[in-house]
Structures are given as structure tokens and as C-alpha cells.
PDB file of N, CA and C in Angstrom:
ATOM      1  N   MET A   1      14.188 -25.491  -5.160  1.00  0.00           N
ATOM      2  CA  MET A   1      14.333 -25.608  -3.595  1.00  0.00           C
ATOM      3  C   MET A   1      13.532 -24.667  -2.774  1.00  0.00           C
ATOM      4  N   VAL A   2      12.286 -24.913  -2.382  1.00  0.00           N
ATOM      5  CA  VAL A   2      11.880 -24.272  -1.045  1.00  0.00           C
ATOM      6  C   VAL A   2      12.731 -24.736   0.584  1.00  0.00           C
ATOM      7  N   ARG A   3      12.582 -23.460   0.786  1.00  0.00           N
ATOM      8  CA  ARG A   3      13.722 -23.199   2.372  1.00  0.00           C
ATOM      9  C   ARG A   3      12.191 -23.408   3.165  1.00  0.00           C
ATOM     10  N   TRP A   4      12.266 -24.101   3.965  1.00  0.00           N
ATOM     11  CA  TRP A   4      11.071 -23.729   5.326  1.00  0.00           C
ATOM     12  C   TRP A   4      11.882 -23.123   6.546  1.00  0.00           C
ATOM     13  N   GLU A   5      11.109 -22.310   7.150  1.00  0.00           N
ATOM     14  CA  GLU A   5      11.653 -21.710   8.483  1.00  0.00           C
ATOM     15  C   GLU A   5      11.142 -22.575   9.666  1.00  0.00           C
ATOM     16  N   CYS A   6      11.879 -22.705  10.607  1.00  0.00           N
ATOM     17  CA  CYS A   6      11.690 -23.172  11.706  1.00  0.00           C
ATOM     18  C   CYS A   6      11.541 -22.752  12.819  1.00  0.00           C
ATOM     19  N   PRO A   7      11.137 -22.292  14.054  1.00  0.00           N
ATOM     20  CA  PRO A   7       9.362 -22.439  13.496  1.00  0.00           C
ATOM     21  C   PRO A   7       9.333 -21.103  12.489  1.00  0.00           C
ATOM     22  N   PRO A   8       8.026 -21.587  11.647  1.00  0.00           N
ATOM     23  CA  PRO A   8       7.202 -20.972  10.716  1.00  0.00           C
ATOM     24  C   PRO A   8       7.105 -19.101  11.152  1.00  0.00           C
ATOM     25  N   ARG A   9       7.522 -18.300  10.668  1.00  0.00           N
ATOM     26  CA  ARG A   9       6.814 -17.047  10.983  1.00  0.00           C
ATOM     27  C   ARG A   9       5.643 -16.422  11.002  1.00  0.00           C
ATOM     28  N   CYS A  10       4.877 -16.966   9.940  1.00  0.00           N
ATOM     29  CA  CYS A  10       3.443 -16.787  10.026  1.00  0.00           C
ATOM     30  C   CYS A  10       2.793 -17.887  10.221  1.00  0.00           C
ATOM     31  N   LEU A  11       1.759 -17.442  11.373  1.00  0.00           N
ATOM     32  CA  LEU A  11       1.266 -18.900  11.933  1.00  0.00           C
ATOM     33  C   LEU A  11      -0.280 -18.898  11.619  1.00  0.00           C
ATOM     34  N   SER A  12      -0.657 -17.749  11.038  1.00  0.00           N
ATOM     35  CA  SER A  12      -2.135 -17.877  10.823  1.00  0.00           C
ATOM     36  C   SER A  12      -2.341 -17.745   8.757  1.00  0.00           C
ATOM     37  N   PRO A  13      -3.169 -18.027   8.259  1.00  0.00           N
ATOM     38  CA  PRO A  13      -3.530 -18.034   6.960  1.00  0.00           C
ATOM     39  C   PRO A  13      -3.394 -17.149   6.183  1.00  0.00           C
ATOM     40  N   HIS A  14      -3.075 -17.145   4.996  1.00  0.00           N
ATOM     41  CA  HIS A  14      -2.944 -15.711   4.151  1.00  0.00           C
ATOM     42  C   HIS A  14      -3.682 -15.898   3.460  1.00  0.00           C
ATOM     43  N   VAL A  15      -4.075 -14.686   2.866  1.00  0.00           N
ATOM     44  CA  VAL A  15      -5.691 -15.107   1.656  1.00  0.00           C
ATOM     45  C   VAL A  15      -4.706 -15.149   0.144  1.00  0.00           C
ATOM     46  N   LEU A  16      -5.189 -15.931  -0.407  1.00  0.00           N
ATOM     47  CA  LEU A  16      -4.665 -16.207  -1.596  1.00  0.00           C
ATOM     48  C   LEU A  16      -4.906 -15.058  -2.554  1.00  0.00           C
ATOM     49  N   PRO A  17      -4.098 -14.749  -3.672  1.00  0.00           N
ATOM     50  CA  PRO A  17      -4.702 -14.036  -4.580  1.00  0.00           C
ATOM     51  C   PRO A  17      -6.044 -13.819  -5.036  1.00  0.00           C
ATOM     52  N   ALA A  18      -6.210 -12.627  -5.418  1.00  0.00           N
ATOM     53  CA  ALA A  18      -7.987 -12.533  -5.966  1.00  0.00           C
ATOM     54  C   ALA A  18      -8.114 -13.214  -7.557  1.00  0.00           C
ATOM     55  N   ARG A  19      -8.825 -13.965  -7.578  1.00  0.00           N
ATOM     56  CA  ARG A  19      -9.033 -15.018  -9.220  1.00  0.00           C
ATOM     57  C   ARG A  19      -9.817 -14.064  -9.805  1.00  0.00           C
ATOM     58  N   SER A  20      -9.798 -14.066 -11.042  1.00  0.00           N
ATOM     59  CA  SER A  20     -10.437 -13.307 -12.119  1.00  0.00           C
ATOM     60  C   SER A  20     -12.199 -13.336 -12.058  1.00  0.00           C
ATOM     61  N   HIS A  21     -12.821 -14.423 -11.114  1.00  0.00           N
ATOM     62  CA  HIS A  21     -14.194 -14.307 -11.082  1.00  0.00           C
ATOM     63  C   HIS A  21     -14.325 -14.452  -9.892  1.00  0.00           C
ATOM     64  N   CYS A  22     -13.981 -13.488  -8.983  1.00  0.00           N
ATOM     65  CA  CYS A  22     -14.399 -13.759  -7.464  1.00  0.00           C
ATOM     66  C   CYS A  22     -15.303 -12.618  -7.354  1.00  0.00           C
ATOM     67  N   GLU A  23     -16.061 -12.945  -6.191  1.00  0.00           N
ATOM     68  CA  GLU A  23     -17.005 -12.040  -5.266  1.00  0.00           C
ATOM     69  C   GLU A  23     -16.742 -11.122  -5.018  1.00  0.00           C
ATOM     70  N   GLU A  24     -17.249  -9.693  -5.600  1.00  0.00           N
ATOM     71  CA  GLU A  24     -16.570  -8.147  -4.821  1.00  0.00           C
ATOM     72  C   GLU A  24     -17.645  -8.352  -3.834  1.00  0.00           C
ATOM     73  N   LEU A  25     -17.021  -8.263  -2.263  1.00  0.00           N
ATOM     74  CA  LEU A  25     -17.923  -7.855  -1.210  1.00  0.00           C
ATOM     75  C   LEU A  25     -17.707  -6.301  -1.438  1.00  0.00           C
ATOM     76  N   THR A  26     -19.213  -5.812  -0.607  1.00  0.00           N
ATOM     77  CA  THR A  26     -19.568  -4.345  -0.345  1.00  0.00           C
ATOM     78  C   THR A  26     -18.770  -4.245   0.818  1.00  0.00           C
ATOM     79  N   TRP A  27     -17.975  -2.964   0.661  1.00  0.00           N
ATOM     80  CA  TRP A  27     -17.377  -2.558   2.180  1.00  0.00           C
ATOM     81  C   TRP A  27     -18.180  -1.185   2.610  1.00  0.00           C
ATOM     82  N   HIS A  28     -18.108  -1.398   4.022  1.00  0.00           N
ATOM     83  CA  HIS A  28     -18.669  -0.184   4.825  1.00  0.00           C
ATOM     84  C   HIS A  28     -17.675   0.288   6.142  1.00  0.00           C
ATOM     85  N   PRO A  29     -17.927   1.468   6.263  1.00  0.00           N
ATOM     86  CA  PRO A  29     -17.285   1.855   7.336  1.00  0.00           C
ATOM     87  C   PRO A  29     -17.513   1.262   8.817  1.00  0.00           C
ATOM     88  N   PRO A  30     -16.551   1.013   9.955  1.00  0.00           N
ATOM     89  CA  PRO A  30     -17.250   0.449  10.788  1.00  0.00           C
ATOM     90  C   PRO A  30     -18.407   0.824  11.488  1.00  0.00           C
ATOM     91  N   ARG A  31     -19.342   0.045  11.821  1.00  0.00           N
ATOM     92  CA  ARG A  31     -20.679   0.482  12.625  1.00  0.00           C
ATOM     93  C   ARG A  31     -20.331   0.658  13.987  1.00  0.00           C
ATOM     94  N   GLY A  32     -19.326   0.421  14.888  1.00  0.00           N
ATOM     95  CA  GLY A  32     -18.682   1.393  15.933  1.00  0.00           C
ATOM     96  C   GLY A  32     -20.064   0.591  17.206  1.00  0.00           C
ATOM     97  N   ASP A  33     -20.836  -0.169  16.656  1.00  0.00           N
ATOM     98  CA  ASP A  33     -22.176  -0.190  17.710  1.00  0.00           C
ATOM     99  C   ASP A  33     -21.779  -1.388  18.909  1.00  0.00           C
ATOM    100  N   GLY A  34     -20.560  -1.164  19.270  1.00  0.00           N
ATOM    101  CA  GLY A  34     -20.156  -2.477  20.392  1.00  0.00           C
ATOM    102  C   GLY A  34     -18.908  -3.352  19.991  1.00  0.00           C
ATOM    103  N   GLN A  35     -18.690  -4.070  20.966  1.00  0.00           N
ATOM    104  CA  GLN A  35     -17.672  -5.037  20.833  1.00  0.00           C
ATOM    105  C   GLN A  35     -18.001  -6.405  20.014  1.00  0.00           C
ATOM    106  N   ALA A  36     -16.739  -6.029  18.954  1.00  0.00           N
ATOM    107  CA  ALA A  36     -16.847  -7.570  18.499  1.00  0.00           C
ATOM    108  C   ALA A  36     -16.216  -8.630  18.951  1.00  0.00           C
ATOM    109  N   ARG A  37     -16.729  -9.511  18.619  1.00  0.00           N
ATOM    110  CA  ARG A  37     -15.406 -10.667  19.235  1.00  0.00           C
ATOM    111  C   ARG A  37     -14.887 -11.202  17.821  1.00  0.00           C
ATOM    112  N   VAL A  38     -13.484 -11.224  17.911  1.00  0.00           N
ATOM    113  CA  VAL A  38     -13.085 -11.855  16.732  1.00  0.00           C
ATOM    114  C   VAL A  38     -12.869 -13.395  16.982  1.00  0.00           C
ATOM    115  N   VAL A  39     -13.570 -14.215  15.802  1.00  0.00           N
ATOM    116  CA  VAL A  39     -13.279 -15.476  15.618  1.00  0.00           C
ATOM    117  C   VAL A  39     -12.264 -16.320  14.935  1.00  0.00           C
ATOM    118  N   ARG A  40     -11.724 -15.351  13.741  1.00  0.00           N
ATOM    119  CA  ARG A  40     -10.859 -15.959  12.802  1.00  0.00           C
ATOM    120  C   ARG A  40      -9.881 -14.789  12.374  1.00  0.00           C
ATOM    121  N   TRP A  41      -8.412 -15.026  12.345  1.00  0.00           N
ATOM    122  CA  TRP A  41      -7.980 -13.444  11.531  1.00  0.00           C
ATOM    123  C   TRP A  41      -6.890 -14.469  10.641  1.00  0.00           C
ATOM    124  N   THR A  42      -6.377 -13.478   9.396  1.00  0.00           N
ATOM    125  CA  THR A  42      -5.534 -13.866   8.745  1.00  0.00           C
ATOM    126  C   THR A  42      -4.564 -13.091   8.920  1.00  0.00           C
ATOM    127  N   CYS A  43      -3.054 -13.672   8.337  1.00  0.00           N
ATOM    128  CA  CYS A  43      -1.522 -13.162   8.876  1.00  0.00           C
ATOM    129  C   CYS A  43      -1.412 -11.582   8.739  1.00  0.00           C
ATOM    130  N   ASP A  44      -0.897 -11.164   9.648  1.00  0.00           N
ATOM    131  CA  ASP A  44      -0.790  -9.366   9.399  1.00  0.00           C
ATOM    132  C   ASP A  44       0.400  -8.792   8.918  1.00  0.00           C
ATOM    133  N   CYS A  45       1.346 -10.178   8.025  1.00  0.00           N
ATOM    134  CA  CYS A  45       2.455  -9.698   7.494  1.00  0.00           C
ATOM    135  C   CYS A  45       2.454  -8.737   6.015  1.00  0.00           C
ATOM    136  N   ASP A  46       1.006  -8.622   5.414  1.00  0.00           N
ATOM    137  CA  ASP A  46       0.751  -8.179   4.231  1.00  0.00           C
ATOM    138  C   ASP A  46       0.165  -7.023   4.505  1.00  0.00           C
ATOM    139  N   PRO A  47       0.078  -5.871   3.925  1.00  0.00           N
ATOM    140  CA  PRO A  47      -0.260  -4.865   4.154  1.00  0.00           C
ATOM    141  C   PRO A  47      -1.867  -4.465   4.573  1.00  0.00           C
ATOM    142  N   ALA A  48      -2.522  -5.595   3.793  1.00  0.00           N
ATOM    143  CA  ALA A  48      -4.272  -6.112   4.222  1.00  0.00           C
ATOM    144  C   ALA A  48      -4.346  -7.544   5.094  1.00  0.00           C
ATOM    145  N   PHE A  49      -4.712  -6.651   5.888  1.00  0.00           N
ATOM    146  CA  PHE A  49      -5.327  -8.602   6.527  1.00  0.00           C
ATOM    147  C   PHE A  49      -6.752  -8.582   7.024  1.00  0.00           C
ATOM    148  N   TYR A  50      -7.313  -9.650   7.478  1.00  0.00           N
ATOM    149  CA  TYR A  50      -8.707  -9.784   7.720  1.00  0.00           C
ATOM    150  C   TYR A  50      -8.833 -10.174   8.837  1.00  0.00           C
ATOM    151  N   GLU A  51     -10.342 -10.361   9.371  1.00  0.00           N
ATOM    152  CA  GLU A  51     -10.599 -10.928  10.735  1.00  0.00           C
ATOM    153  C   GLU A  51     -11.904 -11.033  10.670  1.00  0.00           C
ATOM    154  N   LEU A  52     -12.578 -12.778  10.883  1.00  0.00           N
ATOM    155  CA  LEU A  52     -14.045 -12.611  11.164  1.00  0.00           C
ATOM    156  C   LEU A  52     -14.540 -12.737  12.436  1.00  0.00           C
ATOM    157  N   CYS A  53     -15.333 -11.454  12.448  1.00  0.00           N
ATOM    158  CA  CYS A  53     -15.566 -10.972  13.896  1.00  0.00           C
ATOM    159  C   CYS A  53     -17.360 -11.783  13.730  1.00  0.00           C
ATOM    160  N   GLN A  54     -17.775 -11.669  14.924  1.00  0.00           N
ATOM    161  CA  GLN A  54     -19.213 -11.846  15.616  1.00  0.00           C
ATOM    162  C   GLN A  54     -19.486 -11.149  16.533  1.00  0.00           C
ATOM    163  N   SER A  55     -20.360  -9.925  16.305  1.00  0.00           N
ATOM    164  CA  SER A  55     -21.566  -9.483  17.559  1.00  0.00           C
ATOM    165  C   SER A  55     -22.563  -9.337  16.723  1.00  0.00           C
ATOM    166  N   GLY A  56     -23.624  -9.554  18.595  1.00  0.00           N
ATOM    167  CA  GLY A  56     -24.940  -9.558  18.116  1.00  0.00           C
ATOM    168  C   GLY A  56     -25.603 -10.893  17.446  1.00  0.00           C
ATOM    169  N   GLY A  57     -24.869 -11.430  17.345  1.00  0.00           N
ATOM    170  CA  GLY A  57     -25.612 -13.167  16.271  1.00  0.00           C
ATOM    171  C   GLY A  57     -25.100 -12.855  15.058  1.00  0.00           C
ATOM    172  N   LEU A  58     -24.666 -11.701  15.002  1.00  0.00           N
ATOM    173  CA  LEU A  58     -24.580 -11.993  13.419  1.00  0.00           C
ATOM    174  C   LEU A  58     -22.821 -12.025  12.927  1.00  0.00           C
ATOM    175  N   ARG A  59     -22.642 -12.390  11.781  1.00  0.00           N
ATOM    176  CA  ARG A  59     -20.812 -12.373  11.821  1.00  0.00           C
ATOM    177  C   ARG A  59     -20.508 -11.561  10.580  1.00  0.00           C
ATOM    178  N   PHE A  60     -19.091 -10.824  10.532  1.00  0.00           N
ATOM    179  CA  PHE A  60     -18.687  -9.898   9.517  1.00  0.00           C
ATOM    180  C   PHE A  60     -17.346  -9.921   9.188  1.00  0.00           C
ATOM    181  N   ILE A  61     -16.775  -9.504   7.976  1.00  0.00           N
ATOM    182  CA  ILE A  61     -15.300  -9.352   7.431  1.00  0.00           C
ATOM    183  C   ILE A  61     -14.794  -7.976   8.479  1.00  0.00           C
ATOM    184  N   ARG A  62     -14.004  -7.989   8.752  1.00  0.00           N
ATOM    185  CA  ARG A  62     -13.253  -6.766   9.272  1.00  0.00           C
ATOM    186  C   ARG A  62     -11.608  -6.517   8.054  1.00  0.00           C
ATOM    187  N   ARG A  63     -11.437  -5.749   7.378  1.00  0.00           N
ATOM    188  CA  ARG A  63     -10.358  -5.527   6.808  1.00  0.00           C
ATOM    189  C   ARG A  63      -9.668  -4.527   6.967  1.00  0.00           C
ATOM    190  N   THR A  64      -8.360  -4.703   7.528  1.00  0.00           N
ATOM    191  CA  THR A  64      -7.387  -3.688   7.334  1.00  0.00           C
ATOM    192  C   THR A  64      -6.352  -3.576   6.402  1.00  0.00           C
ATOM    193  N   VAL A  65      -6.623  -2.046   5.902  1.00  0.00           N
ATOM    194  CA  VAL A  65      -5.023  -1.887   5.299  1.00  0.00           C
ATOM    195  C   VAL A  65      -4.612  -0.790   6.032  1.00  0.00           C
ATOM    196  N   ARG A  66      -3.001  -1.067   5.966  1.00  0.00           N
ATOM    197  CA  ARG A  66      -2.261  -0.227   6.421  1.00  0.00           C
ATOM    198  C   ARG A  66      -1.592   0.280   5.132  1.00  0.00           C
ATOM    199  N   ALA A  67      -1.153   1.618   5.293  1.00  0.00           N
ATOM    200  CA  ALA A  67      -1.039   2.495   4.377  1.00  0.00           C
ATOM    201  C   ALA A  67      -0.025   3.459   5.185  1.00  0.00           C
ATOM    202  N   ARG A  68       1.317   3.521   4.991  1.00  0.00           N
ATOM    203  CA  ARG A  68       1.966   4.934   5.470  1.00  0.00           C
ATOM    204  C   ARG A  68       1.471   5.002   6.921  1.00  0.00           C
ATOM    205  N   ASN A  69       1.398   4.386   7.901  1.00  0.00           N
ATOM    206  CA  ASN A  69       0.994   4.427   9.121  1.00  0.00           C
ATOM    207  C   ASN A  69      -0.449   4.930   9.557  1.00  0.00           C
ATOM    208  N   ASN A  70      -0.904   4.907   8.557  1.00  0.00           N
ATOM    209  CA  ASN A  70      -2.686   5.152   8.351  1.00  0.00           C
ATOM    210  C   ASN A  70      -3.614   4.192   8.183  1.00  0.00           C
ATOM    211  N   PRO A  71      -3.996   3.285   9.167  1.00  0.00           N
ATOM    212  CA  PRO A  71      -4.669   2.252   8.771  1.00  0.00           C
ATOM    213  C   PRO A  71      -5.971   2.538   8.387  1.00  0.00           C
ATOM    214  N   SER A  72      -6.764   2.242   7.168  1.00  0.00           N
ATOM    215  CA  SER A  72      -7.782   1.999   6.857  1.00  0.00           C
ATOM    216  C   SER A  72      -9.024   0.934   7.293  1.00  0.00           C
ATOM    217  N   ILE A  73      -9.916   0.722   8.152  1.00  0.00           N
ATOM    218  CA  ILE A  73     -10.679  -0.058   8.620  1.00  0.00           C
ATOM    219  C   ILE A  73     -12.234  -0.251   7.743  1.00  0.00           C
ATOM    220  N   ASP A  74     -12.481  -1.501   7.708  1.00  0.00           N
ATOM    221  CA  ASP A  74     -14.168  -1.695   6.946  1.00  0.00           C
ATOM    222  C   ASP A  74     -14.366  -2.716   7.262  1.00  0.00           C
ATOM    223  N   GLU A  75     -15.807  -3.015   6.951  1.00  0.00           N
ATOM    224  CA  GLU A  75     -16.430  -4.089   7.329  1.00  0.00           C
ATOM    225  C   GLU A  75     -17.313  -4.225   6.075  1.00  0.00           C
ATOM    226  N   SER A  76     -17.321  -5.541   6.049  1.00  0.00           N
ATOM    227  CA  SER A  76     -18.590  -6.511   5.243  1.00  0.00           C
ATOM    228  C   SER A  76     -19.712  -6.391   5.227  1.00  0.00           C
ATOM    229  N   ASP A  77     -20.554  -6.440   5.135  1.00  0.00           N
ATOM    230  CA  ASP A  77     -22.136  -7.075   5.340  1.00  0.00           C
ATOM    231  C   ASP A  77     -22.334  -7.762   6.141  1.00  0.00           C
ATOM    232  N   HIS A  78     -23.344  -7.717   7.484  1.00  0.00           N
ATOM    233  CA  HIS A  78     -23.515  -8.432   8.339  1.00  0.00           C
ATOM    234  C   HIS A  78     -24.073  -9.980   7.627  1.00  0.00           C
ATOM    235  N   TRP A  79     -23.698 -11.082   8.474  1.00  0.00           N
ATOM    236  CA  TRP A  79     -24.895 -12.456   7.675  1.00  0.00           C
ATOM    237  C   TRP A  79     -25.281 -13.160   9.002  1.00  0.00           C
ATOM    238  N   PRO A  80     -25.624 -14.096   8.920  1.00  0.00           N
ATOM    239  CA  PRO A  80     -25.816 -15.516   9.969  1.00  0.00           C
ATOM    240  C   PRO A  80     -24.303 -16.300   9.750  1.00  0.00           C
ATOM    241  N   ALA A  81     -24.326 -16.719  10.925  1.00  0.00           N
ATOM    242  CA  ALA A  81     -22.927 -17.587  10.919  1.00  0.00           C
ATOM    243  C   ALA A  81     -22.609 -18.450   9.444  1.00  0.00           C
ATOM    244  N   GLY A  82     -23.695 -19.740   9.373  1.00  0.00           N
ATOM    245  CA  GLY A  82     -23.099 -20.069   8.554  1.00  0.00           C
ATOM    246  C   GLY A  82     -23.022 -19.206   6.803  1.00  0.00           C
ATOM    247  N   GLU A  83     -23.234 -18.285   6.404  1.00  0.00           N
ATOM    248  CA  GLU A  83     -23.024 -17.652   5.494  1.00  0.00           C
ATOM    249  C   GLU A  83     -22.084 -16.864   5.308  1.00  0.00           C
ATOM    250  N   ALA A  84     -21.618 -16.379   6.886  1.00  0.00           N
ATOM    251  CA  ALA A  84     -20.188 -15.846   6.923  1.00  0.00           C
ATOM    252  C   ALA A  84     -18.889 -16.388   6.870  1.00  0.00           C
ATOM    253  N   ASP A  85     -19.374 -17.804   7.338  1.00  0.00           N
ATOM    254  CA  ASP A  85     -18.223 -18.521   7.402  1.00  0.00           C
ATOM    255  C   ASP A  85     -17.940 -19.231   5.629  1.00  0.00           C
ATOM    256  N   ALA A  86     -19.112 -19.028   5.332  1.00  0.00           N
ATOM    257  CA  ALA A  86     -18.587 -19.662   3.996  1.00  0.00           C
ATOM    258  C   ALA A  86     -17.896 -18.361   3.287  1.00  0.00           C
ATOM    259  N   MET A  87     -18.300 -16.778   3.595  1.00  0.00           N
ATOM    260  CA  MET A  87     -17.659 -15.936   2.465  1.00  0.00           C
ATOM    261  C   MET A  87     -16.332 -15.627   3.155  1.00  0.00           C
ATOM    262  N   TRP A  88     -15.765 -16.490   4.220  1.00  0.00           N
ATOM    263  CA  TRP A  88     -14.432 -16.206   4.721  1.00  0.00           C
ATOM    264  C   TRP A  88     -13.778 -17.252   4.357  1.00  0.00           C
ATOM    265  N   ILE A  89     -14.049 -18.187   3.765  1.00  0.00           N
ATOM    266  CA  ILE A  89     -13.814 -19.539   3.076  1.00  0.00           C
ATOM    267  C   ILE A  89     -13.344 -19.053   1.860  1.00  0.00           C
ATOM    268  N   ALA A  90     -14.545 -17.983   1.203  1.00  0.00           N
ATOM    269  CA  ALA A  90     -14.270 -17.904  -0.220  1.00  0.00           C
ATOM    270  C   ALA A  90     -13.019 -16.964  -0.491  1.00  0.00           C
ATOM    271  N   LEU A  91     -13.199 -15.748   0.706  1.00  0.00           N
ATOM    272  CA  LEU A  91     -12.080 -14.805   0.790  1.00  0.00           C
ATOM    273  C   LEU A  91     -11.056 -15.371   1.010  1.00  0.00           C
ATOM    274  N   LEU A  92     -10.478 -16.603   1.808  1.00  0.00           N
ATOM    275  CA  LEU A  92      -9.060 -17.092   1.874  1.00  0.00           C
ATOM    276  C   LEU A  92      -8.772 -18.051   0.652  1.00  0.00           C
ATOM    277  N   HIS A  93      -9.722 -18.215  -0.244  1.00  0.00           N
ATOM    278  CA  HIS A  93      -9.212 -19.063  -1.381  1.00  0.00           C
ATOM    279  C   HIS A  93      -9.258 -17.913  -2.987  1.00  0.00           C
ATOM    280  N   GLY A  94      -9.621 -16.760  -2.363  1.00  0.00           N
ATOM    281  CA  GLY A  94      -9.577 -15.665  -3.608  1.00  0.00           C
ATOM    282  C   GLY A  94     -10.517 -15.453  -4.411  1.00  0.00           C
ATOM    283  N   LEU A  95     -11.702 -16.189  -4.046  1.00  0.00           N
ATOM    284  CA  LEU A  95     -12.836 -16.578  -4.699  1.00  0.00           C
ATOM    285  C   LEU A  95     -13.891 -15.052  -4.262  1.00  0.00           C
ATOM    286  N   ALA A  96     -13.403 -14.397  -3.129  1.00  0.00           N
ATOM    287  CA  ALA A  96     -13.777 -13.357  -2.584  1.00  0.00           C
ATOM    288  C   ALA A  96     -13.109 -12.253  -2.355  1.00  0.00           C
ATOM    289  N   ARG A  97     -13.281 -10.619  -2.722  1.00  0.00           N
ATOM    290  CA  ARG A  97     -12.507  -9.570  -2.310  1.00  0.00           C
ATOM    291  C   ARG A  97     -13.561  -8.511  -1.772  1.00  0.00           C
TER     292      ARG A  97
END
């Protein structure tokens, strides 16, 4: 039997586990070339959480991994909005990591 919390503790989506055939994203250190606007985000209750960001007309995925109070932040490649949105959906469904 599933027990539901009311209201739910997590309001943002969770990333499904990576599938065996998922696409490997290339992760880079943050560019730090200005302010990025966060468009979408995942729940931060897991050690790793993700944000879909926009900066300079392009979008990218920011990954934050918390490990013993020492967060590690990386960014994906930067894409046009349509391509980035498709990668975001793939990430949420375990088809990209």
C-alpha cells in the first residue's frame, strides 16, 4: 500500500534512474560568464539535483552534487532552447545523464 503525504514533501520533479542505454552528457566547470536564469529544476532532496538554465540566448543543464558539505557544480554544453528542452526531458526520464 502506498502512503501519500499531504501536502507532498517534494513539489519538484525527480530524475528517474539512468537507463542502460542513456546518453552521456559532457559536463564542464561553470563558465561564470554572467547571470543565468533558472527555467526549470528538479527536487533537491537527493544528493544530485539539476537546473535548466538560460543565458545569452542558449540553455544548458546545471548539475549540483552535494558531498559532505562540499558541493560540486558542473554545466552541460549550451544549446538552442528546443534542443536543451529535449535534453532536459531525456534527463528527467533517465535517457541522459
